[in-house]
Amino acid sequence: MTHQLFIAGQWRDAEGGATFEVENPATGETLATVADASAADGRAALDAAVAAQADWARTAPRDRGEILRRAFEIITERTDELAEQMTAEMGKPVSESKAEIAYGAEFFRWFAEESVRIAGRHSVAPNGATRLLTLKQPVGPCLMITPWNFPLAMGTRKIGPAIAAGCTMVVKPASLTPLTMLTLGEILTEAGLPDGVLNIVTTKSTGEVMEPIIRDPRLRKLTFTGSTEVGRTLIEQAAEGVLRVSMELGGNAPFLVFEDADLEKAVDGAMLAKMRNIGEACTAANRFIVHESLAEEFSRRFAERMEQAEVGPLVEAKQRDKVAELVDDAKEHGAQVLTGGEVPAGAGYFYPPTVLTGVPTEARVWREEIFGPVAPIFTFTDDDEALRMANDTEFGLVAYAFTQSYSRAIKVYEGLETGMVGINQGVVSNPAAPFGGMKASGFGREGGDEGIEEYLETKYVGLAP
């Protein structure tokens, strides 16, 4: 059976019956066949979103919220089924898939509650002559391009606020992991989402299919999660239509361990920050910057924990090859391997949890996002040097810091050039908090009170009494 496109509330084949295969990264074998959309299919999806926009914007906020609430409940009830599907197409252990499903579903519950809190304001003009009204209205049809590493959560944290705000959507999931998003389309239909509000287009020809949609004057917003390189291209394309744009791009997260850190908590935090999603996360700790007095002991304890970690395969051969290449480059620059560091024999795209010490900043792992279970450890001598090292990157998504000093924590989180900071914790993602970065890690926020604002326009009305 071929998994079809979802357009205007109908499941349909791609133009000409074109398809592509989805691979199981644990075995390298074909998992499913999926419709491969053309530019004409993409245009049909936008047509459906445009046609549905006016009625959807007029739908009562409570009704929009109830749809999200029902979808949250269905996802929660189907956790086991969804987890098996996610693990099969993406490779993460089932326990991690279940954790993502709980996290992703929570965006629907959060924005179900936000839908009824969209509010404007009223005031008297300073001269008393008029009344000043502001109101919030939906941006309009949105294009959402989601990545492969969190097949559910990266969709729900875009779809949730769009539904709550009254926007229609075209969603393009990653071709490596499209199955979870297609299932999400079924769930939202079951929850009562009207035809045309959500349209799902799967394709291997992303540029050819998405660029005409981005350049169509009827589209009003583009949101993308993925690499900075692709994000820059999409921003250029979006400039033609002066689209509302939100971008969650690459990361190079520093993990700082100061000399007064609780070492046991720091190692626990390091495992969470590094190994969530097998390291295939933009929030994954990429550079471990440890005070020289603790580096040896931290590295030893961390390596022992990494050796015990349960890991699945990386998502594809290309991703595993890149991770191996980065490790080899670090070794060539003089890094020592405490554990891991070699591609194992056998089927699937596995790479072992790896800890590197004595890594110079000339190695590529200092500059490049690893996206795998590899932890390079660097050292520093004082707080100022630690901050300089942490900020020595074009990226600015998230940083982690472990210290027992309140004053140092303030200095650190104020000095870090990142959109998110975890102090004494290795996970910062939370549907109730704004997720997003600075510098080349993008702009805009997803989640929290700020998340729904990305899908709303502010209109001012001057009203004579």
Protein backbone atom coordinates (compact mmCIF):
# COMPACT_ATOMS: atom_id res chain seq x y z
CA MET A 1 0.00 0.00 0.00
CA THR A 2 1.21 3.50 -0.87
CA HIS A 3 0.79 6.25 1.72
CA GLN A 4 -1.00 9.07 -0.09
CA LEU A 5 -1.00 12.87 0.03
CA PHE A 6 -3.62 14.56 2.22
CA ILE A 7 -5.23 17.50 0.39
CA ALA A 8 -8.60 19.18 1.04
CA GLY A 9 -9.59 16.42 3.45
CA GLN A 10 -8.95 13.65 0.90
CA TRP A 11 -6.22 11.05 0.57
CA ARG A 12 -4.95 11.05 -3.00
CA ASP A 13 -2.09 9.80 -5.14
CA ALA A 14 0.62 12.11 -6.38
CA GLU A 15 0.42 13.39 -9.93
CA GLY A 16 1.30 10.53 -12.27
CA GLY A 17 1.36 8.06 -9.37
CA ALA A 18 4.94 8.94 -8.44
CA THR A 19 6.27 7.39 -5.21
CA PHE A 20 9.43 7.09 -3.13
CA GLU A 21 10.57 4.60 -0.52
CA VAL A 22 11.07 5.15 3.21
CA GLU A 23 13.90 3.15 4.77
CA ASN A 24 14.20 1.45 8.16
CA PRO A 25 17.55 2.79 9.42
CA ALA A 26 18.06 -0.22 11.72
CA THR A 27 18.16 -2.62 8.76
CA GLY A 28 18.55 -0.51 5.62
CA GLU A 29 15.44 -2.21 4.20
CA THR A 30 12.38 -0.53 2.68
CA LEU A 31 9.77 0.25 5.31
CA ALA A 32 7.03 1.91 3.25
CA THR A 33 6.17 3.51 -0.08
CA VAL A 34 4.95 7.12 -0.04
CA ALA A 35 3.43 9.44 -2.65
CA ASP A 36 6.02 11.74 -4.25
CA ALA A 37 4.26 15.05 -4.87
CA SER A 38 4.82 17.32 -7.85
CA ALA A 39 4.64 21.11 -8.04
CA ALA A 40 1.04 20.72 -9.21
CA ASP A 41 0.22 18.70 -6.08
CA GLY A 42 1.81 21.42 -3.96
CA ARG A 43 -0.31 24.05 -5.67
CA ALA A 44 -3.44 21.97 -5.05
CA ALA A 45 -2.56 21.83 -1.35
CA LEU A 46 -2.18 25.61 -1.20
CA ASP A 47 -5.44 26.01 -3.13
CA ALA A 48 -7.17 23.94 -0.44
CA ALA A 49 -5.61 25.95 2.40
CA VAL A 50 -6.61 29.25 0.77
CA ALA A 51 -10.16 28.04 0.17
CA ALA A 52 -10.55 26.99 3.80
CA GLN A 53 -8.96 30.07 5.38
CA ALA A 54 -11.91 32.45 5.68
CA ASP A 55 -14.29 29.94 7.29
CA TRP A 56 -11.58 28.62 9.59
CA ALA A 57 -10.65 32.11 10.78
CA ARG A 58 -14.30 32.67 11.72
CA THR A 59 -14.50 29.45 13.73
CA ALA A 60 -15.02 30.08 17.43
CA PRO A 61 -11.78 29.98 19.45
CA ARG A 62 -13.30 27.44 21.83
CA ASP A 63 -14.14 25.13 18.94
CA ARG A 64 -10.58 25.35 17.61
CA GLY A 65 -9.28 24.58 21.08
CA GLU A 66 -11.55 21.59 21.51
CA ILE A 67 -10.21 20.05 18.30
CA LEU A 68 -6.69 20.36 19.66
CA ARG A 69 -7.75 18.90 22.98
CA ARG A 70 -9.35 15.88 21.30
CA ALA A 71 -6.25 15.38 19.16
CA PHE A 72 -4.10 15.48 22.32
CA GLU A 73 -6.23 12.74 23.85
CA ILE A 74 -6.12 10.55 20.74
CA ILE A 75 -2.34 10.85 20.48
CA THR A 76 -2.01 9.91 24.14
CA GLU A 77 -4.27 6.88 23.68
CA ARG A 78 -2.29 5.72 20.64
CA THR A 79 1.16 6.20 22.15
CA ASP A 80 2.30 2.58 21.71
CA GLU A 81 1.27 2.43 18.06
CA LEU A 82 2.81 5.81 17.25
CA ALA A 83 6.03 4.92 19.07
CA GLU A 84 6.49 1.75 17.05
CA GLN A 85 5.96 3.66 13.81
CA MET A 86 8.34 6.44 14.83
CA THR A 87 11.08 4.04 15.87
CA ALA A 88 10.74 2.11 12.61
CA GLU A 89 11.14 5.17 10.39
CA MET A 90 13.57 7.27 12.45
CA GLY A 91 15.57 4.79 14.53
CA LYS A 92 15.33 6.15 18.06
CA PRO A 93 14.68 3.61 20.86
CA VAL A 94 10.99 3.01 21.62
CA SER A 95 11.39 4.64 25.05
CA GLU A 96 12.59 7.84 23.35
CA SER A 97 9.75 7.68 20.84
CA LYS A 98 7.25 7.51 23.68
CA ALA A 99 8.94 10.48 25.34
CA GLU A 100 8.66 12.48 22.11
CA ILE A 101 4.99 11.58 21.74
CA ALA A 102 4.25 12.83 25.27
CA TYR A 103 6.21 16.03 24.54
CA GLY A 104 4.66 16.55 21.12
CA ALA A 105 1.11 15.93 22.30
CA GLU A 106 1.58 18.52 25.02
CA PHE A 107 1.81 21.27 22.38
CA PHE A 108 -1.76 20.47 21.38
CA ARG A 109 -2.93 20.65 24.98
CA TRP A 110 -1.03 23.91 25.58
CA PHE A 111 -2.37 25.65 22.47
CA ALA A 112 -5.88 24.30 23.05
CA GLU A 113 -5.80 26.49 26.13
CA GLU A 114 -4.16 29.43 24.32
CA SER A 115 -6.84 29.55 21.61
CA VAL A 116 -9.30 31.27 23.96
CA ARG A 117 -6.70 33.73 25.27
CA ILE A 118 -6.10 35.65 22.05
CA ALA A 119 -6.85 39.20 23.07
CA GLY A 120 -6.42 42.81 21.96
CA ARG A 121 -6.70 45.99 23.99
CA HIS A 122 -8.61 49.26 24.27
CA SER A 123 -7.30 52.63 25.38
CA VAL A 124 -8.06 56.32 25.17
CA ALA A 125 -5.75 58.38 22.96
CA PRO A 126 -3.50 60.75 24.95
CA ASN A 127 -5.43 63.78 23.65
CA GLY A 128 -8.78 62.15 24.47
CA ALA A 129 -10.07 62.64 20.91
CA THR A 130 -10.23 58.99 19.82
CA ARG A 131 -10.25 55.45 21.11
CA LEU A 132 -7.38 53.16 20.24
CA LEU A 133 -8.30 49.52 19.56
CA THR A 134 -5.93 46.68 18.75
CA LEU A 135 -7.03 43.22 17.72
CA LYS A 136 -5.32 39.98 16.75
CA GLN A 137 -6.21 38.16 13.55
CA PRO A 138 -4.79 35.01 11.94
CA VAL A 139 -1.86 35.54 9.59
CA GLY A 140 -3.45 33.34 6.94
CA PRO A 141 -2.27 30.29 4.99
CA CYS A 142 1.04 28.92 6.28
CA LEU A 143 3.69 26.61 4.85
CA MET A 144 5.40 24.37 7.40
CA ILE A 145 8.55 22.41 6.55
CA THR A 146 9.49 19.97 9.31
CA PRO A 147 12.65 17.89 9.94
CA TRP A 148 13.22 14.16 10.34
CA ASN A 149 14.63 14.03 13.86
CA PHE A 150 11.40 14.65 15.82
CA PRO A 151 8.68 13.52 13.36
CA LEU A 152 5.77 14.32 15.70
CA ALA A 153 6.91 17.15 17.97
CA MET A 154 8.34 19.37 15.24
CA GLY A 155 4.93 19.20 13.59
CA THR A 156 2.71 19.67 16.63
CA ARG A 157 4.57 22.76 17.86
CA LYS A 158 3.85 24.43 14.50
CA ILE A 159 0.40 22.98 13.80
CA GLY A 160 -0.87 23.57 17.35
CA PRO A 161 -0.52 27.37 17.39
CA ALA A 162 -1.69 27.67 13.78
CA ILE A 163 -4.93 25.83 14.57
CA ALA A 164 -5.40 27.86 17.75
CA ALA A 165 -4.84 31.14 15.88
CA GLY A 166 -7.16 30.25 12.98
CA CYS A 167 -4.60 29.64 10.22
CA THR A 168 -4.74 26.99 7.51
CA MET A 169 -1.64 25.01 6.58
CA VAL A 170 0.39 23.09 4.04
CA VAL A 171 2.83 20.78 5.82
CA LYS A 172 5.85 19.19 4.13
CA PRO A 173 7.41 16.54 6.41
CA ALA A 174 10.94 15.28 5.86
CA SER A 175 11.13 12.54 3.23
CA LEU A 176 13.18 10.38 5.61
CA THR A 177 10.36 10.28 8.21
CA PRO A 178 6.97 11.16 6.66
CA LEU A 179 4.84 8.40 8.19
CA THR A 180 4.29 9.95 11.61
CA MET A 181 3.04 13.21 10.07
CA LEU A 182 0.63 11.32 7.82
CA THR A 183 -0.74 9.53 10.87
CA LEU A 184 -1.08 12.90 12.60
CA GLY A 185 -3.25 14.02 9.68
CA GLU A 186 -5.55 11.06 10.34
CA ILE A 187 -5.70 11.93 14.03
CA LEU A 188 -6.61 15.57 13.43
CA THR A 189 -9.33 14.51 11.00
CA GLU A 190 -10.71 12.15 13.64
CA ALA A 191 -10.58 15.04 16.12
CA GLY A 192 -12.84 17.10 13.86
CA LEU A 193 -10.49 19.39 11.93
CA PRO A 194 -12.37 20.69 8.86
CA ASP A 195 -11.28 19.76 5.35
CA GLY A 196 -8.53 21.94 3.91
CA VAL A 197 -7.26 23.36 7.21
CA LEU A 198 -4.35 20.89 7.24
CA ASN A 199 -2.83 19.60 4.01
CA ILE A 200 0.16 17.24 3.94
CA VAL A 201 2.49 17.01 0.96
CA THR A 202 5.24 14.39 0.90
CA THR A 203 8.00 14.69 -1.69
CA LYS A 204 11.63 13.94 -2.41
CA SER A 205 11.84 17.06 -4.62
CA THR A 206 11.51 19.61 -1.83
CA GLY A 207 12.89 22.62 -3.68
CA GLU A 208 10.88 22.05 -6.85
CA VAL A 209 7.61 21.61 -4.95
CA MET A 210 8.05 24.13 -2.14
CA GLU A 211 9.53 27.12 -3.97
CA PRO A 212 6.40 27.78 -6.09
CA ILE A 213 4.31 27.69 -2.90
CA ILE A 214 6.69 30.11 -1.14
CA ARG A 215 6.56 32.50 -4.09
CA ASP A 216 2.76 32.31 -4.41
CA PRO A 217 1.27 35.65 -3.23
CA ARG A 218 -1.55 33.84 -1.42
CA LEU A 219 0.84 32.33 1.14
CA ARG A 220 1.31 34.52 4.20
CA LYS A 221 3.74 32.64 6.45
CA LEU A 222 6.67 30.24 6.20
CA THR A 223 8.01 28.26 9.15
CA PHE A 224 10.97 25.91 8.85
CA THR A 225 13.00 23.71 11.16
CA GLY A 226 16.25 22.41 9.70
CA SER A 227 19.75 23.38 8.69
CA THR A 228 20.98 26.96 8.57
CA GLU A 229 22.13 26.45 4.99
CA VAL A 230 18.64 25.55 3.78
CA GLY A 231 17.09 28.20 6.03
CA ARG A 232 19.09 30.96 4.33
CA THR A 233 17.76 29.84 0.94
CA LEU A 234 14.18 29.77 2.17
CA ILE A 235 14.49 33.25 3.72
CA GLU A 236 15.64 34.60 0.35
CA GLN A 237 12.66 33.02 -1.38
CA ALA A 238 10.27 34.33 1.28
CA ALA A 239 11.53 37.89 0.82
CA GLU A 240 9.73 38.21 -2.53
CA GLY A 241 6.33 37.94 -0.87
CA VAL A 242 7.44 39.66 2.35
CA LEU A 243 6.22 36.60 4.24
CA ARG A 244 6.06 36.26 7.99
CA VAL A 245 8.97 33.90 8.61
CA SER A 246 10.06 31.84 11.60
CA MET A 247 13.22 29.77 11.43
CA GLU A 248 14.57 27.18 13.87
CA LEU A 249 17.96 26.35 12.42
CA GLY A 250 21.23 24.69 13.37
CA GLY A 251 22.94 24.60 16.74
CA ASN A 252 26.37 24.17 18.31
CA ALA A 253 25.40 23.98 21.96
CA PRO A 254 28.10 24.50 24.60
CA PHE A 255 27.90 22.50 27.85
CA LEU A 256 29.82 24.37 30.56
CA VAL A 257 31.02 22.67 33.73
CA PHE A 258 32.47 25.12 36.27
CA GLU A 259 34.88 24.16 39.05
CA ASP A 260 32.15 24.33 41.72
CA ALA A 261 29.70 22.10 39.81
CA ASP A 262 28.11 19.06 41.41
CA LEU A 263 29.91 16.49 39.27
CA GLU A 264 27.27 13.79 39.57
CA LYS A 265 24.53 16.19 38.47
CA ALA A 266 26.76 17.49 35.67
CA VAL A 267 27.28 13.98 34.29
CA ASP A 268 23.55 13.26 34.55
CA GLY A 269 22.85 16.50 32.71
CA ALA A 270 25.50 15.71 30.10
CA MET A 271 23.82 12.39 29.32
CA LEU A 272 20.48 14.09 28.82
CA ALA A 273 21.89 16.98 26.79
CA LYS A 274 24.02 14.74 24.57
CA MET A 275 22.09 11.52 24.17
CA ARG A 276 18.50 12.67 23.78
CA ASN A 277 17.43 11.38 20.37
CA ILE A 278 20.84 9.68 19.88
CA GLY A 279 22.39 13.14 19.68
CA GLU A 280 20.35 13.90 16.56
CA ALA A 281 18.86 17.09 17.97
CA CYS A 282 19.57 20.77 17.39
CA THR A 283 19.54 21.14 21.18
CA ALA A 284 22.13 18.39 21.70
CA ALA A 285 25.26 19.43 23.60
CA ASN A 286 27.93 19.73 20.94
CA ARG A 287 30.97 21.08 22.83
CA PHE A 288 31.70 20.08 26.42
CA ILE A 289 33.70 22.94 27.95
CA VAL A 290 34.96 21.77 31.34
CA HIS A 291 37.08 23.53 33.95
CA GLU A 292 40.60 22.10 33.85
CA SER A 293 40.42 21.00 37.51
CA LEU A 294 37.44 18.70 36.78
CA ALA A 295 38.13 17.62 33.22
CA GLU A 296 39.79 14.29 33.94
CA GLU A 297 37.22 13.09 36.48
CA PHE A 298 34.25 14.40 34.48
CA SER A 299 35.54 12.70 31.33
CA ARG A 300 36.04 9.36 33.11
CA ARG A 301 32.57 9.34 34.66
CA PHE A 302 30.94 10.55 31.45
CA ALA A 303 32.65 7.84 29.38
CA GLU A 304 31.47 5.15 31.82
CA ARG A 305 27.89 6.35 31.46
CA MET A 306 28.13 6.62 27.69
CA GLU A 307 29.30 3.01 27.45
CA GLN A 308 26.05 1.94 29.13
CA ALA A 309 23.74 4.04 26.93
CA GLU A 310 21.05 2.40 24.81
CA VAL A 311 21.19 3.71 21.26
CA GLY A 312 19.40 3.12 18.01
CA PRO A 313 20.79 3.72 14.52
CA LEU A 314 21.39 7.11 13.02
CA VAL A 315 18.80 8.06 10.47
CA GLU A 316 20.73 7.25 7.27
CA ALA A 317 24.13 6.22 5.95
CA LYS A 318 25.05 9.81 5.04
CA GLN A 319 24.48 10.97 8.61
CA ARG A 320 26.54 8.13 10.09
CA ASP A 321 29.35 8.82 7.60
CA LYS A 322 29.43 12.48 8.64
CA VAL A 323 29.67 11.58 12.33
CA ALA A 324 32.50 9.13 11.63
CA GLU A 325 34.28 11.76 9.52
CA LEU A 326 34.11 14.32 12.35
CA VAL A 327 35.52 11.82 14.85
CA ASP A 328 38.33 10.85 12.48
CA ASP A 329 39.17 14.52 11.97
CA ALA A 330 39.35 15.06 15.73
CA LYS A 331 41.67 12.06 16.11
CA GLU A 332 43.88 13.42 13.36
CA HIS A 333 44.12 16.65 15.36
CA GLY A 334 45.33 14.75 18.41
CA ALA A 335 42.12 13.88 20.29
CA GLN A 336 42.07 10.75 22.42
CA VAL A 337 39.13 8.33 22.36
CA LEU A 338 37.90 7.29 25.81
CA THR A 339 35.09 5.15 24.43
CA GLY A 340 33.56 4.42 21.03
CA GLY A 341 35.03 6.07 17.97
CA GLU A 342 34.66 3.30 15.37
CA VAL A 343 31.83 2.30 13.00
CA PRO A 344 30.57 -1.14 14.10
CA ALA A 345 30.13 -4.06 11.72
CA GLY A 346 26.66 -5.25 10.74
CA ALA A 347 23.47 -3.92 9.22
CA GLY A 348 21.93 -0.56 9.98
CA TYR A 349 23.43 2.88 10.51
CA PHE A 350 24.71 2.51 14.05
CA TYR A 351 27.48 4.54 15.67
CA PRO A 352 28.63 3.94 19.26
CA PRO A 353 28.43 6.56 22.02
CA THR A 354 31.82 8.28 21.86
CA VAL A 355 33.79 10.52 24.23
CA LEU A 356 36.84 12.44 23.00
CA THR A 357 39.34 14.26 25.20
CA GLY A 358 42.26 16.54 24.42
CA VAL A 359 40.33 17.99 21.51
CA PRO A 360 41.82 21.18 20.05
CA THR A 361 39.57 23.97 18.82
CA GLU A 362 41.05 23.47 15.34
CA ALA A 363 39.08 20.23 15.00
CA ARG A 364 35.87 20.39 12.99
CA VAL A 365 33.78 19.28 15.99
CA TRP A 366 34.43 22.73 17.47
CA ARG A 367 32.66 24.48 14.58
CA GLU A 368 30.26 21.92 13.11
CA GLU A 369 27.06 20.42 14.45
CA ILE A 370 27.70 16.73 15.09
CA PHE A 371 24.14 15.34 15.13
CA GLY A 372 25.24 12.05 16.64
CA PRO A 373 26.31 10.39 19.93
CA VAL A 374 29.75 12.02 20.09
CA ALA A 375 30.97 14.20 22.98
CA PRO A 376 34.20 16.19 22.45
CA ILE A 377 35.63 17.65 25.68
CA PHE A 378 37.55 20.93 25.82
CA THR A 379 38.97 22.71 28.88
CA PHE A 380 39.02 26.27 30.25
CA THR A 381 40.77 28.07 33.13
CA ASP A 382 38.41 30.91 34.18
CA ASP A 383 34.84 32.11 33.72
CA ASP A 384 35.63 34.73 31.10
CA GLU A 385 37.43 32.17 28.97
CA ALA A 386 34.48 29.78 29.33
CA LEU A 387 32.05 32.40 28.04
CA ARG A 388 34.36 33.36 25.17
CA MET A 389 34.63 29.72 24.15
CA ALA A 390 30.88 29.15 24.46
CA ASN A 391 30.09 32.16 22.26
CA ASP A 392 32.79 31.33 19.68
CA THR A 393 30.29 30.07 17.09
CA GLU A 394 27.92 31.47 14.50
CA PHE A 395 25.10 29.57 16.19
CA GLY A 396 23.08 30.57 19.24
CA LEU A 397 20.28 28.12 19.95
CA VAL A 398 20.89 26.72 23.44
CA ALA A 399 23.59 26.42 26.08
CA TYR A 400 23.93 24.44 29.31
CA ALA A 401 25.88 25.41 32.43
CA PHE A 402 26.52 23.63 35.73
CA THR A 403 27.52 25.66 38.78
CA GLN A 404 26.43 25.94 42.42
CA SER A 405 27.08 29.68 42.49
CA TYR A 406 24.01 31.89 42.14
CA SER A 407 26.03 34.93 41.08
CA ARG A 408 28.01 32.91 38.54
CA ALA A 409 24.80 31.49 37.10
CA ILE A 410 23.45 35.01 36.53
CA LYS A 411 26.70 36.11 34.86
CA VAL A 412 26.65 33.05 32.64
CA TYR A 413 23.04 33.13 31.46
CA GLU A 414 23.24 36.86 30.82
CA GLY A 415 26.52 36.48 28.94
CA LEU A 416 25.61 33.53 26.73
CA GLU A 417 24.58 34.44 23.17
CA THR A 418 21.82 31.84 22.92
CA GLY A 419 18.05 31.91 22.85
CA MET A 420 17.78 29.28 25.59
CA VAL A 421 19.90 28.38 28.60
CA GLY A 422 19.73 25.41 30.94
CA ILE A 423 21.26 26.03 34.38
CA ASN A 424 21.97 22.74 36.16
CA GLN A 425 19.71 20.85 33.80
CA GLY A 426 20.31 19.00 30.55
CA VAL A 427 16.88 19.47 28.93
CA VAL A 428 15.24 22.86 28.36
CA SER A 429 12.47 22.02 25.88
CA ASN A 430 9.00 22.63 27.30
CA PRO A 431 5.74 23.42 25.47
CA ALA A 432 5.05 26.19 28.00
CA ALA A 433 8.37 27.93 27.21
CA PRO A 434 9.51 29.80 24.09
CA PHE A 435 11.80 27.65 21.93
CA GLY A 436 14.17 29.41 19.52
CA GLY A 437 17.60 30.85 18.93
CA MET A 438 19.79 33.81 18.05
CA LYS A 439 22.40 34.48 15.36
CA ALA A 440 22.54 31.74 12.69
CA SER A 441 20.24 29.53 14.76
CA GLY A 442 17.27 31.50 13.48
CA PHE A 443 14.49 33.75 14.74
CA GLY A 444 10.94 33.44 15.98
CA ARG A 445 9.72 31.33 18.90
CA GLU A 446 7.68 28.14 19.19
CA GLY A 447 5.83 27.25 22.37
CA GLY A 448 4.98 29.35 25.40
CA ASP A 449 2.89 32.50 25.32
CA GLU A 450 5.08 33.71 22.47
CA GLY A 451 4.35 30.74 20.19
CA ILE A 452 0.89 31.77 19.08
CA GLU A 453 2.04 35.32 18.25
CA GLU A 454 3.96 33.91 15.28
CA TYR A 455 0.57 33.13 13.68
CA LEU A 456 -1.22 36.38 14.49
CA GLU A 457 -1.27 39.82 12.91
CA THR A 458 -1.86 42.91 15.05
CA LYS A 459 -4.40 45.37 13.65
CA TYR A 460 -4.90 48.87 15.05
CA VAL A 461 -8.22 50.72 14.74
CA GLY A 462 -8.60 54.41 15.52
CA LEU A 463 -12.24 54.92 16.58
CA ALA A 464 -13.85 58.33 16.90
CA PRO A 465 -16.34 58.49 19.83
